Protein backbone atom coordinates (compact mmCIF):
# COMPACT_ATOMS: atom_id res chain seq x y z
CA MET A 1 74.59 -27.85 -85.17
CA PHE A 2 78.18 -26.61 -84.85
CA ASP A 3 80.40 -28.64 -82.53
CA SER A 4 82.84 -26.07 -81.17
CA GLY A 5 83.39 -28.32 -78.14
CA ARG A 6 85.54 -30.61 -80.31
CA ARG A 7 86.66 -28.33 -83.14
CA PHE A 8 86.79 -24.59 -82.58
CA TRP A 9 84.92 -22.49 -85.15
CA PRO A 10 86.32 -18.91 -85.34
CA LEU A 11 83.73 -16.16 -85.13
CA PRO A 12 84.09 -14.97 -88.78
CA LEU A 13 83.42 -18.53 -89.95
CA LEU A 14 80.30 -18.75 -87.78
CA ARG A 15 79.05 -15.44 -89.17
CA ASN A 16 79.56 -16.80 -92.69
CA GLN A 17 77.55 -19.90 -91.78
CA LEU A 18 74.78 -17.71 -90.36
CA ASP A 19 74.63 -15.84 -93.68
CA VAL A 20 74.30 -19.15 -95.52
CA MET A 21 71.62 -20.30 -93.07
CA ALA A 22 69.65 -17.09 -93.55
CA ALA A 23 69.82 -17.46 -97.33
CA ASN A 24 68.35 -20.95 -96.96
CA LYS A 25 65.72 -19.85 -94.41
CA MET A 26 67.22 -21.95 -91.58
CA SER A 27 66.27 -20.48 -88.23
CA VAL A 28 68.14 -22.34 -85.44
CA LEU A 29 71.86 -22.59 -84.78
CA HIS A 30 72.63 -25.25 -82.16
CA LEU A 31 76.03 -24.37 -80.68
CA HIS A 32 77.54 -27.40 -78.94
CA ALA A 33 79.95 -25.29 -76.89
CA SER A 34 81.56 -27.81 -74.54
CA ASP A 35 82.87 -31.36 -74.79
CA MET A 36 85.98 -33.42 -74.16
CA CYS A 37 88.31 -30.90 -75.81
CA ARG A 38 87.22 -27.66 -74.18
CA TRP A 39 84.77 -25.51 -72.30
CA GLY A 40 84.18 -23.14 -75.17
CA VAL A 41 82.80 -19.91 -73.66
CA GLU A 42 84.41 -17.46 -71.25
CA SER A 43 82.95 -17.64 -67.74
CA LEU A 44 83.27 -14.76 -65.30
CA VAL A 45 82.00 -17.03 -62.51
CA TYR A 46 84.66 -19.71 -63.12
CA PRO A 47 87.38 -18.05 -65.23
CA GLU A 48 89.66 -21.07 -64.85
CA LEU A 49 87.55 -22.90 -67.44
CA THR A 50 89.22 -20.96 -70.26
CA ALA A 51 92.39 -19.79 -68.49
CA SER A 52 94.50 -22.21 -70.55
CA GLY A 53 93.05 -21.08 -73.85
CA GLY A 54 89.93 -23.19 -73.71
CA ARG A 55 91.31 -26.48 -74.92
CA LEU A 56 92.34 -29.71 -73.22
CA SER A 57 94.54 -32.38 -74.79
CA LEU A 58 96.44 -35.38 -73.51
CA ASN A 59 100.15 -35.15 -72.87
CA GLU A 60 102.55 -38.06 -73.31
CA SER A 61 101.73 -39.50 -69.90
CA GLY A 62 98.00 -39.47 -70.68
CA ALA A 63 97.18 -36.77 -68.15
CA ALA A 64 94.94 -33.84 -69.04
CA ALA A 65 97.06 -30.91 -70.19
CA ALA A 66 96.24 -27.47 -71.52
CA ALA A 67 97.10 -26.81 -75.14
CA GLY A 68 96.13 -24.54 -78.00
CA ALA A 69 93.39 -21.96 -78.17
CA GLY A 70 89.73 -21.87 -78.89
CA PHE A 71 87.00 -20.23 -76.88
CA TYR A 72 84.53 -17.41 -77.30
CA SER A 73 84.67 -14.35 -75.06
CA GLN A 74 81.41 -13.10 -73.61
CA SER A 75 81.53 -10.16 -76.02
CA ASP A 76 81.96 -12.67 -78.89
CA ILE A 77 78.79 -14.47 -77.84
CA LYS A 78 76.77 -11.27 -77.49
CA ALA A 79 77.89 -10.21 -80.97
CA LEU A 80 77.11 -13.65 -82.42
CA VAL A 81 73.63 -13.76 -80.88
CA ALA A 82 72.89 -10.25 -82.18
CA TYR A 83 74.20 -11.11 -85.66
CA ALA A 84 72.00 -14.23 -85.73
CA LYS A 85 68.94 -12.36 -84.47
CA ASP A 86 69.29 -9.79 -87.25
CA ARG A 87 68.96 -12.71 -89.69
CA GLY A 88 65.99 -14.35 -87.98
CA ILE A 89 68.09 -17.08 -86.36
CA ARG A 90 68.08 -18.14 -82.72
CA VAL A 91 71.26 -19.49 -81.12
CA VAL A 92 70.56 -22.43 -78.79
CA PRO A 93 73.58 -23.16 -76.56
CA GLU A 94 74.50 -26.67 -75.45
CA PHE A 95 76.86 -27.23 -72.53
CA ASP A 96 76.98 -31.00 -72.15
CA MET A 97 76.87 -32.36 -68.60
CA PRO A 98 77.35 -34.49 -66.59
CA GLY A 99 78.93 -36.56 -69.39
CA HIS A 100 81.34 -35.37 -72.10
CA ALA A 101 82.78 -33.31 -69.27
CA ALA A 102 86.56 -33.18 -69.62
CA GLY A 103 86.24 -29.49 -70.44
CA LEU A 104 85.05 -29.04 -66.84
CA LEU A 105 88.13 -30.69 -65.27
CA PRO A 106 89.48 -27.28 -64.07
CA LEU A 107 86.64 -27.35 -61.52
CA GLN A 108 88.36 -30.21 -59.68
CA ALA A 109 90.10 -27.51 -57.65
CA ARG A 110 86.66 -26.51 -56.37
CA GLY A 111 85.92 -30.07 -55.29
CA VAL A 112 84.01 -31.37 -58.33
CA GLU A 113 84.71 -35.08 -58.81
CA PHE A 114 84.84 -37.10 -62.03
CA CYS A 115 84.84 -40.70 -63.14
CA ASN A 116 86.55 -41.95 -66.30
CA ALA A 117 88.81 -38.89 -66.35
CA PRO A 118 91.39 -38.72 -69.17
CA GLY A 119 94.59 -40.50 -68.24
CA VAL A 120 92.82 -42.50 -65.52
CA SER A 121 90.21 -44.53 -67.35
CA ALA A 122 90.47 -46.89 -70.30
CA ILE A 123 87.43 -45.08 -71.73
CA PRO A 124 88.37 -41.40 -71.32
CA ASN A 125 85.91 -40.35 -74.01
CA TRP A 126 83.20 -40.67 -71.39
CA CYS A 127 84.57 -38.44 -68.66
CA THR A 128 81.60 -37.73 -66.38
CA MET A 129 81.08 -35.57 -63.31
CA GLN A 130 80.00 -37.23 -60.09
CA GLY A 131 76.66 -35.47 -59.77
CA GLY A 132 74.51 -37.45 -57.34
CA ASN A 133 72.54 -35.77 -54.58
CA GLY A 134 74.89 -34.12 -52.09
CA SER A 135 77.71 -33.83 -54.63
CA VAL A 136 79.83 -30.73 -55.07
CA ALA A 137 78.78 -30.64 -58.73
CA GLN A 138 75.19 -29.95 -57.72
CA ARG A 139 76.39 -26.96 -55.67
CA VAL A 140 78.89 -25.58 -58.18
CA LEU A 141 77.32 -26.04 -61.62
CA PRO A 142 73.99 -24.17 -61.27
CA ALA A 143 75.81 -20.82 -61.10
CA LEU A 144 77.60 -21.66 -64.36
CA VAL A 145 74.38 -22.78 -66.05
CA HIS A 146 72.65 -19.58 -64.96
CA GLU A 147 75.53 -17.47 -66.29
CA MET A 148 75.55 -19.17 -69.70
CA ALA A 149 71.75 -19.04 -70.02
CA GLU A 150 71.76 -15.32 -69.28
CA LEU A 151 74.59 -14.73 -71.74
CA PHE A 152 72.87 -16.46 -74.67
CA ASP A 153 69.42 -15.16 -73.66
CA SER A 154 67.66 -18.00 -75.45
CA GLU A 155 64.31 -19.46 -74.45
CA LEU A 156 65.92 -22.89 -74.93
CA TYR A 157 69.02 -24.16 -73.09
CA HIS A 158 70.50 -27.57 -73.98
CA ILE A 159 71.94 -29.46 -71.00
CA GLY A 160 73.33 -32.41 -72.98
CA GLY A 161 72.90 -35.44 -70.74
CA ASP A 162 74.14 -38.14 -73.12
CA GLU A 163 76.64 -40.95 -72.56
CA THR A 164 77.12 -40.63 -68.81
CA ARG A 165 79.17 -43.19 -66.90
CA CYS A 166 78.81 -42.22 -63.21
CA GLY A 167 76.02 -43.06 -60.82
CA GLY A 168 73.78 -40.15 -59.92
CA ALA A 169 73.50 -38.74 -63.44
CA GLY A 170 69.71 -38.63 -63.25
CA ASP A 171 69.81 -36.73 -59.94
CA PHE A 172 72.19 -34.18 -61.46
CA GLU A 173 70.12 -33.77 -64.62
CA ARG A 174 66.92 -33.22 -62.63
CA HIS A 175 68.76 -30.58 -60.60
CA ILE A 176 70.08 -28.76 -63.68
CA ILE A 177 66.74 -28.93 -65.49
CA GLY A 178 65.21 -27.34 -62.40
CA THR A 179 67.87 -24.62 -62.54
CA VAL A 180 67.04 -23.88 -66.18
CA GLU A 181 63.31 -23.79 -65.50
CA ALA A 182 63.77 -21.53 -62.48
CA ASP A 183 65.29 -19.03 -64.95
CA SER A 184 62.02 -19.19 -66.93
CA ARG A 185 63.70 -21.09 -69.75
CA ARG A 186 63.05 -24.49 -71.28
CA ALA A 187 65.60 -27.28 -71.03
CA VAL A 188 66.62 -29.37 -74.03
CA ALA A 189 68.37 -32.72 -73.54
CA TRP A 190 69.49 -35.79 -75.45
CA SER A 191 67.54 -39.06 -75.61
CA GLU A 192 68.95 -40.62 -72.45
CA VAL A 193 67.50 -37.93 -70.18
CA GLY A 194 63.97 -38.81 -71.25
CA GLY A 195 64.27 -42.61 -71.06
CA LYS A 196 63.16 -44.62 -68.05
CA GLY A 197 65.68 -47.18 -66.89
CA LYS A 198 68.56 -45.52 -68.73
CA ALA A 199 71.42 -43.42 -67.36
CA GLY A 200 69.17 -40.38 -66.98
CA ASP A 201 66.41 -42.46 -65.35
CA GLY A 202 63.65 -40.30 -66.76
CA ALA A 203 65.11 -37.04 -65.42
CA ALA A 204 63.21 -34.90 -67.92
CA SER A 205 60.40 -32.69 -66.67
CA PRO A 206 57.10 -32.44 -68.60
CA ASP A 207 58.43 -29.28 -70.27
CA THR A 208 61.82 -30.69 -71.34
CA VAL A 209 62.45 -30.90 -75.08
CA ILE A 210 64.05 -34.26 -75.88
CA GLN A 211 66.38 -34.25 -78.87
CA THR A 212 66.48 -37.83 -80.12
CA TRP A 213 69.65 -39.37 -81.47
CA ARG A 214 68.78 -42.97 -80.56
CA SER A 215 65.79 -45.19 -79.87
CA PRO A 216 64.36 -44.63 -76.36
CA THR A 217 64.33 -48.44 -75.93
CA ALA A 218 67.97 -48.96 -77.02
CA SER A 219 70.21 -50.75 -74.52
């Protein structure tokens, strides 16, 4: 798994890693393409996500501010997926939501709301979209998910779903999993989405792949 949501990996470096993976008969590259630092892939639906260069940092006042560079163009992704396929490797994209969502802060102008936003909360590492039923996030994000799923053209699409801090996370995750499945793809999510009584409240469908990083009974 390459975490380009926190540290940008230039395309030549990723190609080098794919060569190493192929030599070692590794067949899946999990590209964690969004997190607190950036939304890491160009969107034609919401171009503002990478208009600042694809990276968010905190300025001296603690407010979110654009800085630096680091995102993949759509042509970059198409080339990367083709390069991987030639080596027998599938690229599984992860765009983490509704938590780890500071990279989505440019969508505030479209009415998407957040809790624990950087510069506002004492725990900005857990910036989360307000995604309960009736929220703007449920109206705005499916188009972005559809665009990214089409771009990567993978059977699997990782929605994230870990470390959420707003109410309504489970409603949002169910909605996004439904979006992925309506595209005839299979959703992948972190442990919380599959656990009853946790933040995701058992939002996984029977077809969701749960990627476990913690015990399903952990508090």
